[in-house]
N, C-alpha and C. Protein backbone atom coordinates (compact mmCIF):
# COMPACT_ATOMS: atom_id res chain seq x y z
N MET A 1 0.83 -1.19 0.00
CA MET A 1 0.00 0.00 0.00
C MET A 1 0.88 1.25 0.00
N TYR A 2 1.92 1.23 0.83
CA TYR A 2 2.80 2.39 0.91
C TYR A 2 3.50 2.62 -0.42
N LEU A 3 3.96 1.54 -1.03
CA LEU A 3 4.66 1.66 -2.31
C LEU A 3 3.72 2.20 -3.39
N GLN A 4 2.47 1.73 -3.37
CA GLN A 4 1.51 2.19 -4.37
C GLN A 4 1.27 3.69 -4.21
N CYS A 5 1.11 4.16 -2.98
CA CYS A 5 0.91 5.59 -2.73
C CYS A 5 2.15 6.37 -3.14
N PHE A 6 3.32 5.83 -2.83
CA PHE A 6 4.56 6.51 -3.19
C PHE A 6 4.68 6.66 -4.70
N LEU A 7 4.40 5.58 -5.43
CA LEU A 7 4.51 5.64 -6.88
C LEU A 7 3.50 6.62 -7.47
N TYR A 8 2.27 6.60 -6.93
CA TYR A 8 1.24 7.51 -7.43
C TYR A 8 1.65 8.96 -7.17
N CYS A 9 2.13 9.23 -5.96
CA CYS A 9 2.54 10.60 -5.61
C CYS A 9 3.75 11.04 -6.42
N PHE A 10 4.59 10.09 -6.81
CA PHE A 10 5.77 10.41 -7.60
C PHE A 10 5.41 10.69 -9.05
N PHE A 11 4.52 9.87 -9.63
CA PHE A 11 4.20 10.00 -11.05
C PHE A 11 3.11 11.02 -11.35
N PHE A 12 2.28 11.35 -10.37
CA PHE A 12 1.16 12.27 -10.62
C PHE A 12 1.62 13.66 -11.07
N PRO A 13 2.60 14.29 -10.39
CA PRO A 13 3.01 15.63 -10.84
C PRO A 13 3.62 15.65 -12.24
N ILE A 14 4.21 14.55 -12.66
CA ILE A 14 4.84 14.50 -13.98
C ILE A 14 3.79 14.24 -15.07
N GLY A 15 2.63 13.75 -14.66
CA GLY A 15 1.58 13.44 -15.63
C GLY A 15 1.61 12.00 -16.11
N LEU A 16 2.32 11.12 -15.39
CA LEU A 16 2.42 9.72 -15.80
C LEU A 16 1.52 8.79 -14.99
N ALA A 17 0.73 9.33 -14.09
CA ALA A 17 -0.16 8.49 -13.29
C ALA A 17 -1.29 7.96 -14.18
N PRO A 18 -1.76 6.75 -13.93
CA PRO A 18 -2.86 6.21 -14.74
C PRO A 18 -4.15 7.00 -14.53
N GLU A 19 -5.05 6.90 -15.52
CA GLU A 19 -6.30 7.65 -15.43
C GLU A 19 -7.16 7.17 -14.27
N ILE A 20 -7.23 5.86 -14.09
CA ILE A 20 -7.98 5.33 -12.96
C ILE A 20 -7.01 4.59 -12.05
N PRO A 21 -7.28 4.57 -10.75
CA PRO A 21 -6.39 3.88 -9.81
C PRO A 21 -6.32 2.38 -10.11
N GLU A 22 -5.21 1.79 -9.72
CA GLU A 22 -4.93 0.40 -10.07
C GLU A 22 -5.93 -0.57 -9.45
N ASP A 23 -6.32 -0.35 -8.19
CA ASP A 23 -7.25 -1.28 -7.55
C ASP A 23 -8.62 -1.23 -8.21
N LEU A 24 -9.05 -0.05 -8.62
CA LEU A 24 -10.33 0.07 -9.33
C LEU A 24 -10.26 -0.61 -10.69
N TYR A 25 -9.14 -0.45 -11.37
CA TYR A 25 -8.95 -1.10 -12.67
C TYR A 25 -9.07 -2.62 -12.56
N HIS A 26 -8.43 -3.19 -11.54
CA HIS A 26 -8.46 -4.64 -11.39
C HIS A 26 -9.84 -5.15 -10.98
N LEU A 27 -10.58 -4.36 -10.20
CA LEU A 27 -11.94 -4.76 -9.85
C LEU A 27 -12.85 -4.74 -11.08
N ILE A 28 -12.69 -3.75 -11.93
CA ILE A 28 -13.49 -3.68 -13.16
C ILE A 28 -13.15 -4.86 -14.06
N LYS A 29 -11.87 -5.18 -14.14
CA LYS A 29 -11.42 -6.32 -14.95
C LYS A 29 -12.01 -7.63 -14.42
N LYS A 30 -12.07 -7.76 -13.09
CA LYS A 30 -12.64 -8.96 -12.48
C LYS A 30 -14.13 -9.05 -12.76
N ALA A 31 -14.85 -7.93 -12.69
CA ALA A 31 -16.28 -7.92 -12.96
C ALA A 31 -16.56 -8.31 -14.41
N VAL A 32 -15.73 -7.85 -15.32
CA VAL A 32 -15.91 -8.21 -16.74
C VAL A 32 -15.70 -9.70 -16.94
N SER A 33 -14.70 -10.27 -16.27
CA SER A 33 -14.45 -11.71 -16.44
C SER A 33 -15.58 -12.53 -15.83
N ILE A 34 -16.16 -12.07 -14.72
CA ILE A 34 -17.30 -12.80 -14.13
C ILE A 34 -18.50 -12.72 -15.06
N ARG A 35 -18.72 -11.56 -15.68
CA ARG A 35 -19.84 -11.43 -16.62
C ARG A 35 -19.67 -12.36 -17.83
N LYS A 36 -18.44 -12.47 -18.34
CA LYS A 36 -18.19 -13.41 -19.44
C LYS A 36 -18.49 -14.84 -19.01
N HIS A 37 -18.09 -15.17 -17.79
CA HIS A 37 -18.35 -16.50 -17.26
C HIS A 37 -19.86 -16.75 -17.16
N LEU A 38 -20.60 -15.73 -16.73
CA LEU A 38 -22.05 -15.89 -16.57
C LEU A 38 -22.77 -15.99 -17.91
N GLU A 39 -22.18 -15.44 -18.97
CA GLU A 39 -22.79 -15.61 -20.29
C GLU A 39 -22.76 -17.08 -20.71
N ARG A 40 -21.69 -17.78 -20.35
CA ARG A 40 -21.57 -19.19 -20.70
C ARG A 40 -22.28 -20.10 -19.71
N ASN A 41 -22.35 -19.69 -18.45
CA ASN A 41 -22.92 -20.52 -17.38
C ASN A 41 -24.00 -19.74 -16.65
N ARG A 42 -25.17 -19.70 -17.23
CA ARG A 42 -26.24 -18.88 -16.68
C ARG A 42 -26.76 -19.35 -15.32
N LYS A 43 -26.63 -20.61 -15.01
CA LYS A 43 -27.18 -21.14 -13.77
C LYS A 43 -26.22 -21.05 -12.58
N ASP A 44 -25.08 -20.48 -12.79
CA ASP A 44 -24.07 -20.40 -11.73
C ASP A 44 -24.47 -19.32 -10.72
N LYS A 45 -25.16 -19.74 -9.67
CA LYS A 45 -25.68 -18.80 -8.67
C LYS A 45 -24.56 -18.16 -7.86
N ASP A 46 -23.52 -18.93 -7.58
CA ASP A 46 -22.42 -18.40 -6.77
C ASP A 46 -21.72 -17.25 -7.50
N SER A 47 -21.54 -17.38 -8.79
CA SER A 47 -20.89 -16.31 -9.56
C SER A 47 -21.78 -15.07 -9.64
N LYS A 48 -23.09 -15.27 -9.69
CA LYS A 48 -23.99 -14.12 -9.69
C LYS A 48 -23.84 -13.34 -8.39
N PHE A 49 -23.76 -14.08 -7.29
CA PHE A 49 -23.59 -13.44 -5.99
C PHE A 49 -22.25 -12.71 -5.90
N LYS A 50 -21.19 -13.36 -6.37
CA LYS A 50 -19.85 -12.74 -6.35
C LYS A 50 -19.81 -11.49 -7.23
N LEU A 51 -20.53 -11.50 -8.35
CA LEU A 51 -20.59 -10.33 -9.22
C LEU A 51 -21.24 -9.16 -8.49
N ILE A 52 -22.29 -9.44 -7.74
CA ILE A 52 -22.95 -8.38 -6.95
C ILE A 52 -21.97 -7.78 -5.95
N LEU A 53 -21.19 -8.65 -5.29
CA LEU A 53 -20.22 -8.16 -4.31
C LEU A 53 -19.13 -7.31 -4.96
N VAL A 54 -18.63 -7.76 -6.10
CA VAL A 54 -17.56 -7.02 -6.78
C VAL A 54 -18.09 -5.68 -7.29
N GLU A 55 -19.30 -5.66 -7.83
CA GLU A 55 -19.85 -4.40 -8.33
C GLU A 55 -20.12 -3.41 -7.20
N SER A 56 -20.57 -3.91 -6.05
CA SER A 56 -20.78 -2.99 -4.94
C SER A 56 -19.46 -2.44 -4.43
N ARG A 57 -18.41 -3.27 -4.46
CA ARG A 57 -17.08 -2.79 -4.07
C ARG A 57 -16.59 -1.72 -5.05
N ILE A 58 -16.88 -1.91 -6.33
CA ILE A 58 -16.50 -0.91 -7.34
C ILE A 58 -17.20 0.42 -7.05
N HIS A 59 -18.48 0.37 -6.71
CA HIS A 59 -19.22 1.60 -6.44
C HIS A 59 -18.69 2.31 -5.20
N ARG A 60 -18.34 1.52 -4.16
CA ARG A 60 -17.81 2.13 -2.94
C ARG A 60 -16.46 2.80 -3.19
N ILE A 61 -15.58 2.11 -3.92
CA ILE A 61 -14.26 2.67 -4.19
C ILE A 61 -14.37 3.89 -5.11
N THR A 62 -15.30 3.83 -6.05
CA THR A 62 -15.52 4.97 -6.95
C THR A 62 -15.97 6.19 -6.15
N ARG A 63 -16.87 5.97 -5.22
CA ARG A 63 -17.35 7.08 -4.39
C ARG A 63 -16.20 7.69 -3.59
N TYR A 64 -15.33 6.84 -3.05
CA TYR A 64 -14.17 7.33 -2.30
C TYR A 64 -13.24 8.14 -3.19
N TYR A 65 -12.94 7.64 -4.39
CA TYR A 65 -12.01 8.34 -5.27
C TYR A 65 -12.60 9.64 -5.81
N LYS A 66 -13.91 9.71 -5.95
CA LYS A 66 -14.53 10.97 -6.37
C LYS A 66 -14.42 12.01 -5.26
N LYS A 67 -14.60 11.56 -4.00
CA LYS A 67 -14.48 12.49 -2.87
C LYS A 67 -13.05 12.98 -2.69
N SER A 68 -12.09 12.09 -2.92
CA SER A 68 -10.68 12.48 -2.76
C SER A 68 -10.12 13.11 -4.04
N LYS A 69 -10.97 13.29 -5.04
CA LYS A 69 -10.65 13.97 -6.30
C LYS A 69 -9.55 13.28 -7.11
N LYS A 70 -9.48 11.96 -7.01
CA LYS A 70 -8.59 11.20 -7.88
C LYS A 70 -9.32 10.77 -9.15
N LEU A 71 -10.64 10.89 -9.12
CA LEU A 71 -11.48 10.65 -10.30
C LEU A 71 -12.33 11.89 -10.53
N PRO A 72 -12.64 12.21 -11.78
CA PRO A 72 -13.53 13.35 -12.02
C PRO A 72 -14.94 13.05 -11.51
N PRO A 73 -15.68 14.07 -11.10
CA PRO A 73 -17.01 13.83 -10.52
C PRO A 73 -18.02 13.20 -11.47
N VAL A 74 -17.80 13.29 -12.78
CA VAL A 74 -18.75 12.73 -13.74
C VAL A 74 -18.31 11.37 -14.26
N TRP A 75 -17.28 10.78 -13.66
CA TRP A 75 -16.77 9.48 -14.12
C TRP A 75 -17.77 8.38 -13.82
N LYS A 76 -18.00 7.48 -14.81
CA LYS A 76 -18.90 6.34 -14.59
C LYS A 76 -18.25 5.10 -15.09
């Protein structure tokens, strides 16, 4: 966590920081892979539940990053 903050604080002033934070990026990537899995396996109830959890985590982290101004307020 410390290293991630250090790298972000180091690269942000130069303009090399990523558009979205790394943890949010990986959560979105995970949600997309679960959705692909659910397209092939519609009856997988456990994956449906896990998708709900991942999407709610995405919304919570997005709300935090909007408040801390690391994401623009109109980002979706």
